[in-house]
Amino acid sequence: MAEVDVHNLNNEKVGSLSLDEKVFGLPFNEGLIHEAVTMQRACERQGTASTKTRGFVSGGGKKPWKQKGTGRARAGSIRSPIWKGGAVVFGPLPRSYAYAFPKKKGKKSILTLLSDKVRNGRMTVVEELELSEPKTQILLRVLKKLGLDGMTLILSANKSEALERASRNLRRVKLLDIRFLNYYDLIRYDSILIARRDLARLVETWGAVEREADGTA
């Protein structure tokens, strides 16, 4: 069973936690992660690109010239796709790129990425994550003491106005509700910062799915 150290905001070790192997001990599955991220990015596409087929282009109700006798190629409409200002053949139309993804596979992908973060020492657990004031500089000092100078994902189960206001101006830091944990953010951000009580909520929210998938729930 894996263990993770618990620190205070001064980066002093105050304890340790044993982590459930069924939640934080999954092997990395590159194919599964690629499939999950592809699905998420597809669902985020707007799909608003639009062109007009000849049925939507205005004009062209009259035949430009008679069929025979002019020496020119026959034409039935000025809105033909081969004419300038005409329609577009097989062009994009508004559509949704979203598609379904099995719920168990999706949540297993989350656990796989969390396991990879723990395995590589990229998850920092603190006893409490409360700021004295909602100031960016205070949060920056905390992150520096904890050695989190890269892209950092802060996971929280309860909305903290101070933490939200302190992190909103930091491009390399993102505050995310545990319920909205997703594949793309877990890959994009180098490290995870989470409070001890929120880690328990993380296991409660996402861990039950793995047990269900294993048939042990």
N, C-alpha and C. Protein backbone atom coordinates (compact mmCIF):
# COMPACT_ATOMS: atom_id res chain seq x y z
N MET A 1 0.84 -1.19 0.00
CA MET A 1 0.00 0.00 0.00
C MET A 1 0.88 1.24 0.00
N ALA A 2 0.60 2.14 -0.94
CA ALA A 2 1.41 3.36 -1.08
C ALA A 2 1.11 4.33 0.06
N GLU A 3 2.11 5.15 0.36
CA GLU A 3 1.95 6.16 1.40
C GLU A 3 2.34 7.52 0.84
N VAL A 4 1.73 8.56 1.39
CA VAL A 4 2.05 9.92 0.99
C VAL A 4 2.22 10.74 2.27
N ASP A 5 3.23 11.60 2.27
CA ASP A 5 3.49 12.46 3.42
C ASP A 5 2.49 13.62 3.46
N VAL A 6 2.16 14.04 4.67
CA VAL A 6 1.28 15.19 4.87
C VAL A 6 2.13 16.32 5.45
N HIS A 7 2.05 17.50 4.83
CA HIS A 7 2.85 18.65 5.27
C HIS A 7 1.93 19.79 5.70
N ASN A 8 2.51 20.73 6.44
CA ASN A 8 1.79 21.98 6.69
C ASN A 8 2.21 22.98 5.62
N LEU A 9 1.71 24.20 5.69
CA LEU A 9 1.99 25.18 4.64
C LEU A 9 3.42 25.70 4.68
N ASN A 10 4.17 25.32 5.71
CA ASN A 10 5.61 25.66 5.76
C ASN A 10 6.47 24.51 5.27
N ASN A 11 5.82 23.51 4.68
CA ASN A 11 6.47 22.32 4.13
C ASN A 11 7.14 21.47 5.20
N GLU A 12 6.57 21.49 6.40
CA GLU A 12 7.06 20.63 7.48
C GLU A 12 6.17 19.39 7.55
N LYS A 13 6.79 18.23 7.61
CA LYS A 13 6.03 16.99 7.65
C LYS A 13 5.30 16.86 8.99
N VAL A 14 4.00 16.61 8.90
CA VAL A 14 3.21 16.49 10.13
C VAL A 14 2.54 15.12 10.23
N GLY A 15 2.77 14.27 9.23
CA GLY A 15 2.17 12.93 9.28
C GLY A 15 2.26 12.26 7.93
N SER A 16 1.57 11.14 7.81
CA SER A 16 1.54 10.41 6.55
C SER A 16 0.19 9.71 6.41
N LEU A 17 -0.14 9.37 5.17
CA LEU A 17 -1.40 8.70 4.88
C LEU A 17 -1.15 7.46 4.03
N SER A 18 -1.88 6.40 4.32
CA SER A 18 -1.84 5.20 3.49
C SER A 18 -2.90 5.34 2.41
N LEU A 19 -2.52 5.07 1.18
CA LEU A 19 -3.43 5.24 0.05
C LEU A 19 -3.92 3.89 -0.45
N ASP A 20 -5.18 3.84 -0.78
CA ASP A 20 -5.80 2.62 -1.30
C ASP A 20 -5.23 2.29 -2.67
N GLU A 21 -4.70 1.07 -2.82
CA GLU A 21 -4.09 0.66 -4.08
C GLU A 21 -5.12 0.61 -5.21
N LYS A 22 -6.39 0.38 -4.87
CA LYS A 22 -7.42 0.31 -5.90
C LYS A 22 -7.76 1.68 -6.46
N VAL A 23 -7.32 2.72 -5.76
CA VAL A 23 -7.57 4.08 -6.22
C VAL A 23 -6.30 4.73 -6.74
N PHE A 24 -5.19 4.55 -6.01
CA PHE A 24 -3.94 5.23 -6.36
C PHE A 24 -2.83 4.28 -6.78
N GLY A 25 -3.16 3.04 -7.05
CA GLY A 25 -2.12 2.08 -7.43
C GLY A 25 -2.33 1.45 -8.79
N LEU A 26 -3.09 2.10 -9.66
CA LEU A 26 -3.36 1.54 -10.98
C LEU A 26 -2.17 1.74 -11.92
N PRO A 27 -1.86 0.75 -12.76
CA PRO A 27 -0.78 0.93 -13.74
C PRO A 27 -1.19 1.91 -14.83
N PHE A 28 -0.21 2.55 -15.42
CA PHE A 28 -0.51 3.54 -16.47
C PHE A 28 -0.96 2.83 -17.74
N ASN A 29 -2.04 3.32 -18.33
CA ASN A 29 -2.60 2.74 -19.55
C ASN A 29 -2.67 3.85 -20.59
N GLU A 30 -1.65 3.91 -21.44
CA GLU A 30 -1.55 5.01 -22.40
C GLU A 30 -2.72 5.02 -23.39
N GLY A 31 -3.13 3.84 -23.84
CA GLY A 31 -4.23 3.77 -24.80
C GLY A 31 -5.53 4.29 -24.21
N LEU A 32 -5.81 3.92 -22.97
CA LEU A 32 -7.03 4.37 -22.31
C LEU A 32 -7.02 5.88 -22.11
N ILE A 33 -5.87 6.44 -21.71
CA ILE A 33 -5.78 7.87 -21.48
C ILE A 33 -5.94 8.63 -22.80
N HIS A 34 -5.32 8.14 -23.85
CA HIS A 34 -5.45 8.80 -25.16
C HIS A 34 -6.91 8.82 -25.61
N GLU A 35 -7.59 7.72 -25.40
CA GLU A 35 -9.00 7.63 -25.78
C GLU A 35 -9.85 8.62 -24.97
N ALA A 36 -9.55 8.73 -23.68
CA ALA A 36 -10.33 9.62 -22.81
C ALA A 36 -10.10 11.09 -23.16
N VAL A 37 -8.84 11.46 -23.39
CA VAL A 37 -8.54 12.86 -23.71
C VAL A 37 -9.12 13.23 -25.07
N THR A 38 -9.05 12.33 -26.03
CA THR A 38 -9.62 12.59 -27.36
C THR A 38 -11.12 12.84 -27.25
N MET A 39 -11.80 12.05 -26.41
CA MET A 39 -13.23 12.23 -26.21
C MET A 39 -13.53 13.59 -25.58
N GLN A 40 -12.75 13.97 -24.54
CA GLN A 40 -13.00 15.23 -23.86
C GLN A 40 -12.79 16.42 -24.80
N ARG A 41 -11.72 16.38 -25.56
CA ARG A 41 -11.45 17.49 -26.48
C ARG A 41 -12.50 17.57 -27.59
N ALA A 42 -12.99 16.42 -28.02
CA ALA A 42 -14.04 16.42 -29.05
C ALA A 42 -15.33 17.03 -28.50
N CYS A 43 -15.65 16.72 -27.25
CA CYS A 43 -16.87 17.26 -26.64
C CYS A 43 -16.78 18.77 -26.42
N GLU A 44 -15.56 19.29 -26.34
CA GLU A 44 -15.38 20.72 -26.12
C GLU A 44 -15.42 21.52 -27.42
N ARG A 45 -15.39 20.84 -28.57
CA ARG A 45 -15.41 21.56 -29.86
C ARG A 45 -16.76 22.23 -30.06
N GLN A 46 -16.75 23.43 -30.58
CA GLN A 46 -17.99 24.18 -30.77
C GLN A 46 -18.80 23.65 -31.94
N GLY A 47 -18.13 23.27 -33.00
CA GLY A 47 -18.84 22.75 -34.17
C GLY A 47 -19.72 23.79 -34.83
N THR A 48 -19.26 25.05 -34.88
CA THR A 48 -20.08 26.13 -35.45
C THR A 48 -19.69 26.48 -36.89
N ALA A 49 -18.67 25.82 -37.45
CA ALA A 49 -18.27 26.10 -38.84
C ALA A 49 -19.45 25.81 -39.76
N SER A 50 -19.69 26.73 -40.70
CA SER A 50 -20.87 26.57 -41.54
C SER A 50 -20.60 27.11 -42.95
N THR A 51 -21.05 26.37 -43.94
CA THR A 51 -21.00 26.81 -45.33
C THR A 51 -22.39 26.60 -45.94
N LYS A 52 -22.63 27.20 -47.11
CA LYS A 52 -23.94 27.09 -47.75
C LYS A 52 -23.87 26.16 -48.96
N THR A 53 -24.73 25.19 -48.94
CA THR A 53 -24.90 24.35 -50.12
C THR A 53 -25.78 25.11 -51.10
N ARG A 54 -25.95 24.57 -52.31
CA ARG A 54 -26.71 25.30 -53.32
C ARG A 54 -28.18 25.47 -52.93
N GLY A 55 -28.64 24.69 -51.97
CA GLY A 55 -30.01 24.85 -51.51
C GLY A 55 -30.18 26.06 -50.60
N PHE A 56 -29.07 26.64 -50.10
CA PHE A 56 -29.14 27.76 -49.17
C PHE A 56 -28.62 29.07 -49.77
N VAL A 57 -27.96 29.00 -50.93
CA VAL A 57 -27.42 30.22 -51.54
C VAL A 57 -28.55 30.96 -52.25
N SER A 58 -28.64 32.27 -52.02
CA SER A 58 -29.71 33.05 -52.63
C SER A 58 -29.42 33.29 -54.10
N GLY A 59 -30.48 33.52 -54.85
CA GLY A 59 -30.33 33.79 -56.28
C GLY A 59 -30.24 32.50 -57.08
N GLY A 60 -30.09 32.68 -58.40
CA GLY A 60 -29.88 31.51 -59.25
C GLY A 60 -31.14 30.81 -59.66
N GLY A 61 -32.29 31.47 -59.51
CA GLY A 61 -33.54 30.82 -59.90
C GLY A 61 -33.75 30.80 -61.42
N LYS A 62 -33.07 31.66 -62.08
CA LYS A 62 -33.25 31.76 -63.53
C LYS A 62 -32.03 31.17 -64.25
N LYS A 63 -32.29 30.50 -65.34
CA LYS A 63 -31.20 29.96 -66.15
C LYS A 63 -30.43 31.11 -66.78
N PRO A 64 -29.08 31.15 -66.60
CA PRO A 64 -28.30 32.31 -67.07
C PRO A 64 -28.45 32.59 -68.57
N TRP A 65 -28.48 31.57 -69.38
CA TRP A 65 -28.67 31.71 -70.83
C TRP A 65 -29.29 30.43 -71.36
N LYS A 66 -29.75 30.49 -72.57
CA LYS A 66 -30.42 29.34 -73.11
C LYS A 66 -29.46 28.16 -73.25
N GLN A 67 -30.04 26.99 -73.34
CA GLN A 67 -29.25 25.76 -73.32
C GLN A 67 -28.32 25.65 -74.52
N LYS A 68 -28.80 26.01 -75.69
CA LYS A 68 -28.03 25.81 -76.92
C LYS A 68 -27.90 27.09 -77.72
N GLY A 69 -26.91 27.12 -78.60
CA GLY A 69 -26.79 28.19 -79.57
C GLY A 69 -25.92 29.35 -79.16
N THR A 70 -25.39 29.38 -77.92
CA THR A 70 -24.56 30.51 -77.50
C THR A 70 -23.07 30.22 -77.64
N GLY A 71 -22.71 28.97 -77.79
CA GLY A 71 -21.30 28.61 -77.86
C GLY A 71 -20.65 28.46 -76.50
N ARG A 72 -21.41 28.74 -75.48
CA ARG A 72 -20.88 28.59 -74.13
C ARG A 72 -21.37 27.30 -73.50
N ALA A 73 -20.68 26.92 -72.42
CA ALA A 73 -21.09 25.69 -71.73
C ALA A 73 -22.48 25.88 -71.13
N ARG A 74 -23.24 24.83 -71.12
CA ARG A 74 -24.58 24.91 -70.55
C ARG A 74 -24.50 25.22 -69.05
N ALA A 75 -25.42 25.98 -68.57
CA ALA A 75 -25.47 26.37 -67.16
C ALA A 75 -26.91 26.52 -66.73
N GLY A 76 -27.19 26.06 -65.53
CA GLY A 76 -28.57 26.13 -65.04
C GLY A 76 -28.76 27.14 -63.92
N SER A 77 -27.65 27.57 -63.28
CA SER A 77 -27.78 28.49 -62.16
C SER A 77 -26.46 29.21 -61.94
N ILE A 78 -26.54 30.48 -61.56
CA ILE A 78 -25.32 31.24 -61.25
C ILE A 78 -24.77 30.84 -59.89
N ARG A 79 -25.53 30.04 -59.14
CA ARG A 79 -25.08 29.60 -57.82
C ARG A 79 -24.52 28.18 -57.84
N SER A 80 -24.17 27.72 -59.00
CA SER A 80 -23.54 26.40 -59.12
C SER A 80 -22.21 26.39 -58.37
N PRO A 81 -21.81 25.29 -57.78
CA PRO A 81 -20.54 25.23 -57.04
C PRO A 81 -19.31 25.57 -57.87
N ILE A 82 -19.41 25.48 -59.20
CA ILE A 82 -18.23 25.78 -60.03
C ILE A 82 -18.17 27.27 -60.41
N TRP A 83 -19.16 28.04 -59.96
CA TRP A 83 -19.18 29.46 -60.25
C TRP A 83 -18.67 30.25 -59.05
N LYS A 84 -18.03 31.39 -59.33
CA LYS A 84 -17.62 32.29 -58.26
C LYS A 84 -18.87 32.82 -57.57
N GLY A 85 -18.86 32.78 -56.22
CA GLY A 85 -20.02 33.21 -55.47
C GLY A 85 -21.08 32.14 -55.35
N GLY A 86 -20.74 30.96 -55.85
CA GLY A 86 -21.70 29.87 -55.80
C GLY A 86 -21.65 29.10 -54.49
N ALA A 87 -22.28 27.95 -54.51
CA ALA A 87 -22.38 27.13 -53.31
C ALA A 87 -21.07 26.39 -53.03
N VAL A 88 -21.02 25.72 -51.89
CA VAL A 88 -19.86 24.91 -51.50
C VAL A 88 -20.30 23.45 -51.46
N VAL A 89 -19.46 22.60 -52.05
CA VAL A 89 -19.76 21.17 -52.08
C VAL A 89 -19.11 20.48 -50.89
N PHE A 90 -19.88 19.74 -50.14
CA PHE A 90 -19.38 18.97 -49.00
C PHE A 90 -18.65 19.83 -47.96
N GLY A 91 -19.08 21.07 -47.81
CA GLY A 91 -18.48 21.95 -46.81
C GLY A 91 -19.00 21.63 -45.42
N PRO A 92 -18.36 22.18 -44.39
CA PRO A 92 -18.80 21.91 -43.01
C PRO A 92 -20.13 22.58 -42.70
N LEU A 93 -20.92 21.92 -41.88
CA LEU A 93 -22.18 22.45 -41.39
C LEU A 93 -22.19 22.34 -39.86
N PRO A 94 -22.97 23.19 -39.18
CA PRO A 94 -23.00 23.10 -37.71
C PRO A 94 -23.34 21.69 -37.25
N ARG A 95 -22.55 21.20 -36.30
CA ARG A 95 -22.74 19.84 -35.81
C ARG A 95 -22.11 19.71 -34.43
N SER A 96 -22.44 18.65 -33.74
CA SER A 96 -21.83 18.34 -32.45
C SER A 96 -20.80 17.25 -32.65
N TYR A 97 -19.61 17.47 -32.09
CA TYR A 97 -18.55 16.47 -32.19
C TYR A 97 -18.54 15.53 -30.98
N ALA A 98 -19.45 15.77 -30.05
CA ALA A 98 -19.47 14.97 -28.83
C ALA A 98 -19.90 13.53 -29.11
N TYR A 99 -19.35 12.62 -28.34
CA TYR A 99 -19.78 11.23 -28.44
C TYR A 99 -19.69 10.59 -27.06
N ALA A 100 -20.38 9.49 -26.91
CA ALA A 100 -20.47 8.84 -25.60
C ALA A 100 -19.19 8.11 -25.26
N PHE A 101 -18.91 8.04 -23.96
CA PHE A 101 -17.74 7.32 -23.45
C PHE A 101 -18.21 6.53 -22.23
N PRO A 102 -17.92 5.24 -22.15
CA PRO A 102 -18.39 4.44 -21.02
C PRO A 102 -18.00 5.07 -19.68
N LYS A 103 -18.95 5.16 -18.77
CA LYS A 103 -18.73 5.83 -17.49
C LYS A 103 -17.60 5.18 -16.70
N LYS A 104 -17.56 3.86 -16.67
CA LYS A 104 -16.52 3.17 -15.91
C LYS A 104 -15.14 3.40 -16.51
N LYS A 105 -15.06 3.41 -17.84
CA LYS A 105 -13.77 3.67 -18.49
C LYS A 105 -13.32 5.09 -18.20
N GLY A 106 -14.26 6.03 -18.22
CA GLY A 106 -13.91 7.42 -17.97
C GLY A 106 -13.37 7.63 -16.57
N LYS A 107 -14.03 7.05 -15.59
CA LYS A 107 -13.59 7.24 -14.21
C LYS A 107 -12.32 6.43 -13.91
N LYS A 108 -12.17 5.32 -14.60
CA LYS A 108 -10.92 4.57 -14.43
C LYS A 108 -9.74 5.36 -14.99
N SER A 109 -10.00 6.14 -16.05
CA SER A 109 -8.95 7.00 -16.61
C SER A 109 -8.51 8.03 -15.58
N ILE A 110 -9.46 8.59 -14.84
CA ILE A 110 -9.14 9.56 -13.79
C ILE A 110 -8.25 8.92 -12.74
N LEU A 111 -8.61 7.71 -12.30
CA LEU A 111 -7.83 7.02 -11.28
C LEU A 111 -6.44 6.65 -11.79
N THR A 112 -6.35 6.30 -13.06
CA THR A 112 -5.05 5.98 -13.65
C THR A 112 -4.13 7.18 -13.63
N LEU A 113 -4.67 8.36 -13.96
CA LEU A 113 -3.85 9.57 -13.95
C LEU A 113 -3.48 9.99 -12.53
N LEU A 114 -4.40 9.82 -11.59
CA LEU A 114 -4.09 10.11 -10.19
C LEU A 114 -3.01 9.18 -9.67
N SER A 115 -3.08 7.91 -10.04
CA SER A 115 -2.07 6.94 -9.63
C SER A 115 -0.70 7.31 -10.18
N ASP A 116 -0.69 7.79 -11.41
CA ASP A 116 0.58 8.20 -12.03
C ASP A 116 1.18 9.40 -11.31
N LYS A 117 0.34 10.33 -10.86
CA LYS A 117 0.83 11.49 -10.13
C LYS A 117 1.45 11.05 -8.79
N VAL A 118 0.78 10.14 -8.09
CA VAL A 118 1.30 9.66 -6.80
C VAL A 118 2.60 8.90 -7.02
N ARG A 119 2.63 8.05 -8.02
CA ARG A 119 3.81 7.22 -8.29
C ARG A 119 5.04 8.06 -8.59
N ASN A 120 4.83 9.22 -9.22
CA ASN A 120 5.95 10.09 -9.60
C ASN A 120 6.16 11.25 -8.62
N GLY A 121 5.53 11.16 -7.45
CA GLY A 121 5.71 12.19 -6.43
C GLY A 121 5.17 13.54 -6.83
N ARG A 122 4.09 13.55 -7.60
CA ARG A 122 3.51 14.80 -8.10
C ARG A 122 2.23 15.19 -7.37
N MET A 123 1.94 14.52 -6.25
CA MET A 123 0.78 14.90 -5.45
C MET A 123 1.25 15.37 -4.08
N THR A 124 0.96 16.60 -3.73
CA THR A 124 1.33 17.18 -2.45
C THR A 124 0.09 17.30 -1.57
N VAL A 125 0.14 16.68 -0.39
CA VAL A 125 -0.99 16.70 0.54
C VAL A 125 -0.61 17.58 1.72
N VAL A 126 -1.48 18.55 2.04
CA VAL A 126 -1.24 19.44 3.18
C VAL A 126 -2.35 19.23 4.21
N GLU A 127 -2.00 19.52 5.47
CA GLU A 127 -2.96 19.33 6.54
C GLU A 127 -4.17 20.25 6.37
N GLU A 128 -3.91 21.50 6.07
CA GLU A 128 -4.97 22.48 5.82
C GLU A 128 -4.54 23.38 4.68
N LEU A 129 -5.49 23.81 3.90
CA LEU A 129 -5.19 24.72 2.79
C LEU A 129 -6.08 25.96 2.90
N GLU A 130 -5.80 26.74 3.92
CA GLU A 130 -6.55 27.96 4.18
C GLU A 130 -5.59 29.14 4.18
N LEU A 131 -5.94 30.20 3.47
CA LEU A 131 -5.11 31.40 3.41
C LEU A 131 -5.64 32.44 4.39
N SER A 132 -4.69 33.15 5.01
CA SER A 132 -5.09 34.18 5.97
C SER A 132 -5.80 35.33 5.28
N GLU A 133 -5.39 35.62 4.03
CA GLU A 133 -6.02 36.68 3.25
C GLU A 133 -6.11 36.21 1.80
N PRO A 134 -7.11 36.70 1.06
CA PRO A 134 -7.25 36.30 -0.34
C PRO A 134 -6.31 37.06 -1.26
N LYS A 135 -5.02 36.85 -1.06
CA LYS A 135 -4.02 37.58 -1.83
C LYS A 135 -3.14 36.62 -2.62
N THR A 136 -2.85 37.01 -3.86
CA THR A 136 -2.05 36.17 -4.75
C THR A 136 -0.65 35.96 -4.20
N GLN A 137 -0.06 36.98 -3.62
CA GLN A 137 1.31 36.86 -3.11
C GLN A 137 1.40 35.84 -1.97
N ILE A 138 0.36 35.75 -1.16
CA ILE A 138 0.36 34.76 -0.07
C ILE A 138 0.34 33.35 -0.65
N LEU A 139 -0.50 33.14 -1.65
CA LEU A 139 -0.56 31.82 -2.29
C LEU A 139 0.76 31.49 -2.98
N LEU A 140 1.39 32.47 -3.60
CA LEU A 140 2.68 32.24 -4.26
C LEU A 140 3.75 31.81 -3.25
N ARG A 141 3.72 32.43 -2.07
CA ARG A 141 4.70 32.05 -1.04
C ARG A 141 4.46 30.63 -0.56
N VAL A 142 3.19 30.27 -0.42
CA VAL A 142 2.86 28.89 -0.01
C VAL A 142 3.35 27.88 -1.04
N LEU A 143 3.09 28.17 -2.31
CA LEU A 143 3.51 27.25 -3.37
C LEU A 143 5.03 27.14 -3.44
N LYS A 144 5.71 28.26 -3.22
CA LYS A 144 7.18 28.24 -3.25
C LYS A 144 7.74 27.40 -2.11
N LYS A 145 7.17 27.54 -0.92
CA LYS A 145 7.63 26.74 0.22
C LYS A 145 7.40 25.25 -0.01
N LEU A 146 6.31 24.93 -0.68
CA LEU A 146 5.99 23.53 -0.95
C LEU A 146 6.74 22.97 -2.16
N GLY A 147 7.52 23.83 -2.82
CA GLY A 147 8.30 23.38 -3.98
C GLY A 147 7.47 23.21 -5.23
N LEU A 148 6.32 23.89 -5.31
CA LEU A 148 5.43 23.78 -6.47
C LEU A 148 5.62 25.01 -7.35
N ASP A 149 6.63 24.96 -8.21
CA ASP A 149 6.92 26.12 -9.06
C ASP A 149 6.50 25.90 -10.50
N GLY A 150 5.89 24.75 -10.80
CA GLY A 150 5.42 24.48 -12.16
C GLY A 150 3.92 24.65 -12.26
N MET A 151 3.34 24.02 -13.26
CA MET A 151 1.89 24.03 -13.44
C MET A 151 1.25 23.24 -12.31
N THR A 152 0.42 23.90 -11.52
CA THR A 152 -0.14 23.29 -10.32
C THR A 152 -1.67 23.29 -10.36
N LEU A 153 -2.24 22.12 -10.10
CA LEU A 153 -3.69 21.96 -10.04
C LEU A 153 -4.08 21.80 -8.57
N ILE A 154 -4.85 22.76 -8.06
CA ILE A 154 -5.32 22.71 -6.68
C ILE A 154 -6.71 22.11 -6.66
N LEU A 155 -6.86 20.99 -5.97
CA LEU A 155 -8.16 20.32 -5.89
C LEU A 155 -8.82 20.64 -4.57
N SER A 156 -10.10 20.97 -4.64
CA SER A 156 -10.82 21.34 -3.42
C SER A 156 -12.24 20.78 -3.48
N ALA A 157 -12.74 20.37 -2.32
CA ALA A 157 -14.11 19.86 -2.24
C ALA A 157 -15.09 20.94 -1.81
N ASN A 158 -14.58 21.96 -1.12
CA ASN A 158 -15.43 23.05 -0.65
C ASN A 158 -14.94 24.37 -1.23
N LYS A 159 -15.86 25.16 -1.70
CA LYS A 159 -15.49 26.43 -2.31
C LYS A 159 -14.88 27.37 -1.29
N SER A 160 -13.67 27.84 -1.59
CA SER A 160 -12.98 28.78 -0.73
C SER A 160 -12.81 30.09 -1.49
N GLU A 161 -13.51 31.12 -1.04
CA GLU A 161 -13.45 32.40 -1.74
C GLU A 161 -12.04 32.99 -1.70
N ALA A 162 -11.36 32.83 -0.57
CA ALA A 162 -10.00 33.36 -0.45
C ALA A 162 -9.07 32.66 -1.43
N LEU A 163 -9.16 31.34 -1.50
CA LEU A 163 -8.30 30.58 -2.41
C LEU A 163 -8.64 30.87 -3.86
N GLU A 164 -9.91 31.04 -4.13
CA GLU A 164 -10.34 31.33 -5.50
C GLU A 164 -9.83 32.69 -5.96
N ARG A 165 -9.93 33.69 -5.10
CA ARG A 165 -9.48 35.03 -5.46
C ARG A 165 -7.96 35.09 -5.57
N ALA A 166 -7.26 34.33 -4.74
CA ALA A 166 -5.81 34.35 -4.75
C ALA A 166 -5.23 33.65 -5.98
N SER A 167 -5.95 32.69 -6.53
CA SER A 167 -5.40 31.89 -7.63
C SER A 167 -5.85 32.34 -9.01
N ARG A 168 -6.85 33.20 -9.07
CA ARG A 168 -7.43 33.53 -10.38
C ARG A 168 -6.48 34.29 -11.30
N ASN A 169 -5.48 34.97 -10.73
CA ASN A 169 -4.55 35.74 -11.56
C ASN A 169 -3.28 34.98 -11.91
N LEU A 170 -3.19 33.74 -11.48
CA LEU A 170 -1.99 32.93 -11.75
C LEU A 170 -2.25 32.01 -12.93
N ARG A 171 -1.52 32.23 -14.01
CA ARG A 171 -1.74 31.44 -15.21
C ARG A 171 -1.31 29.99 -15.05
N ARG A 172 -0.36 29.75 -14.16
CA ARG A 172 0.17 28.39 -13.99
C ARG A 172 -0.52 27.64 -12.84
N VAL A 173 -1.57 28.23 -12.30
CA VAL A 173 -2.29 27.60 -11.18
C VAL A 173 -3.77 27.56 -11.52
N LYS A 174 -4.40 26.44 -11.21
CA LYS A 174 -5.84 26.32 -11.44
C LYS A 174 -6.50 25.69 -10.22
N LEU A 175 -7.56 26.32 -9.74
CA LEU A 175 -8.35 25.78 -8.64
C LEU A 175 -9.54 25.03 -9.24
N LEU A 176 -9.68 23.77 -8.88
CA LEU A 176 -10.70 22.94 -9.50
C LEU A 176 -11.47 22.16 -8.45
N ASP A 177 -12.79 22.17 -8.59
CA ASP A 177 -13.64 21.37 -7.71
C ASP A 177 -13.43 19.88 -8.03
N ILE A 178 -13.32 19.07 -7.00
CA ILE A 178 -13.07 17.64 -7.17
C ILE A 178 -14.11 16.99 -8.08
N ARG A 179 -15.34 17.47 -8.02
CA ARG A 179 -16.41 16.88 -8.84
C ARG A 179 -16.15 17.06 -10.33
N PHE A 180 -15.38 18.08 -10.69
CA PHE A 180 -15.16 18.39 -12.10
C PHE A 180 -13.76 17.97 -12.56
N LEU A 181 -13.16 17.06 -11.84
CA LEU A 181 -11.86 16.53 -12.21
C LEU A 181 -11.94 15.92 -13.61
N ASN A 182 -10.95 16.20 -14.45
CA ASN A 182 -11.00 15.72 -15.82
C ASN A 182 -9.61 15.31 -16.31
N TYR A 183 -9.60 14.58 -17.40
CA TYR A 183 -8.36 14.00 -17.93
C TYR A 183 -7.39 15.08 -18.40
N TYR A 184 -7.91 16.08 -19.12
CA TYR A 184 -7.04 17.07 -19.74
C TYR A 184 -6.26 17.86 -18.69
N ASP A 185 -6.94 18.29 -17.62
CA ASP A 185 -6.26 19.06 -16.57
C ASP A 185 -5.25 18.19 -15.83
N LEU A 186 -5.56 16.92 -15.62
CA LEU A 186 -4.62 16.04 -14.93
C LEU A 186 -3.34 15.83 -15.73
N ILE A 187 -3.45 15.88 -17.05
CA ILE A 187 -2.27 15.74 -17.90
C ILE A 187 -1.54 17.07 -18.05
N ARG A 188 -2.31 18.14 -18.20
CA ARG A 188 -1.71 19.46 -18.46
C ARG A 188 -0.91 19.99 -17.28
N TYR A 189 -1.40 19.76 -16.07
CA TYR A 189 -0.73 20.31 -14.88
C TYR A 189 0.25 19.30 -14.31
N ASP A 190 1.44 19.81 -13.97
CA ASP A 190 2.53 18.94 -13.51
C ASP A 190 2.23 18.33 -12.14
N SER A 191 1.67 19.13 -11.24
CA SER A 191 1.52 18.69 -9.85
C SER A 191 0.11 18.94 -9.35
N ILE A 192 -0.26 18.18 -8.30
CA ILE A 192 -1.54 18.34 -7.64
C ILE A 192 -1.30 18.77 -6.20
N LEU A 193 -2.06 19.76 -5.76
CA LEU A 193 -2.04 20.20 -4.36
C LEU A 193 -3.43 19.98 -3.79
N ILE A 194 -3.49 19.27 -2.66
CA ILE A 194 -4.80 18.96 -2.08
C ILE A 194 -4.69 18.87 -0.57
N ALA A 195 -5.74 19.31 0.12
CA ALA A 195 -5.78 19.23 1.57
C ALA A 195 -6.16 17.82 2.00
N ARG A 196 -5.80 17.46 3.21
CA ARG A 196 -6.04 16.11 3.71
C ARG A 196 -7.52 15.73 3.67
N ARG A 197 -8.37 16.63 4.12
CA ARG A 197 -9.81 16.30 4.15
C ARG A 197 -10.37 16.20 2.74
N ASP A 198 -9.80 16.98 1.81
CA ASP A 198 -10.27 16.92 0.43
C ASP A 198 -9.81 15.65 -0.26
N LEU A 199 -8.68 15.10 0.19
CA LEU A 199 -8.21 13.83 -0.35
C LEU A 199 -9.20 12.72 0.00
N ALA A 200 -9.74 12.77 1.21
CA ALA A 200 -10.75 11.80 1.61
C ALA A 200 -12.00 11.93 0.74
N ARG A 201 -12.37 13.17 0.42
CA ARG A 201 -13.53 13.39 -0.45
C ARG A 201 -13.23 12.92 -1.87
N LEU A 202 -11.98 13.08 -2.30
CA LEU A 202 -11.58 12.61 -3.62
C LEU A 202 -11.76 11.09 -3.74
N VAL A 203 -11.33 10.37 -2.71
CA VAL A 203 -11.47 8.92 -2.70
C VAL A 203 -12.95 8.54 -2.67
N GLU A 204 -13.72 9.28 -1.88
CA GLU A 204 -15.15 9.00 -1.78
C GLU A 204 -15.87 9.22 -3.10
N THR A 205 -15.45 10.27 -3.83
CA THR A 205 -16.12 10.62 -5.08
C THR A 205 -15.75 9.71 -6.23
N TRP A 206 -14.45 9.40 -6.34
CA TRP A 206 -13.96 8.66 -7.51
C TRP A 206 -13.58 7.20 -7.23
N GLY A 207 -13.30 6.88 -5.97
CA GLY A 207 -12.80 5.54 -5.68
C GLY A 207 -13.84 4.45 -5.78
N ALA A 208 -15.11 4.77 -5.49
CA ALA A 208 -16.16 3.76 -5.49
C ALA A 208 -16.37 3.17 -6.86
N VAL A 209 -16.08 3.92 -7.90
CA VAL A 209 -16.30 3.44 -9.28
C VAL A 209 -15.36 2.29 -9.59
N GLU A 210 -14.11 2.43 -9.15
CA GLU A 210 -13.14 1.35 -9.41
C GLU A 210 -13.56 0.06 -8.72
N ARG A 211 -14.05 0.18 -7.49
CA ARG A 211 -14.49 -1.02 -6.79
C ARG A 211 -15.70 -1.64 -7.49
N GLU A 212 -16.58 -0.77 -8.00
CA GLU A 212 -17.74 -1.27 -8.73
C GLU A 212 -17.31 -1.99 -10.00
N ALA A 213 -16.30 -1.42 -10.68
CA ALA A 213 -15.81 -2.03 -11.90
C ALA A 213 -15.17 -3.37 -11.63
N ASP A 214 -14.57 -3.51 -10.45
CA ASP A 214 -13.93 -4.77 -10.08
C ASP A 214 -14.92 -5.78 -9.52
N GLY A 215 -16.16 -5.34 -9.29
CA GLY A 215 -17.17 -6.22 -8.75
C GLY A 215 -17.09 -6.41 -7.26
N THR A 216 -16.40 -5.47 -6.56
CA THR A 216 -16.23 -5.60 -5.12
C THR A 216 -17.13 -4.66 -4.35
N ALA A 217 -17.89 -3.81 -5.05
CA ALA A 217 -18.77 -2.86 -4.36
C ALA A 217 -20.06 -3.53 -3.94
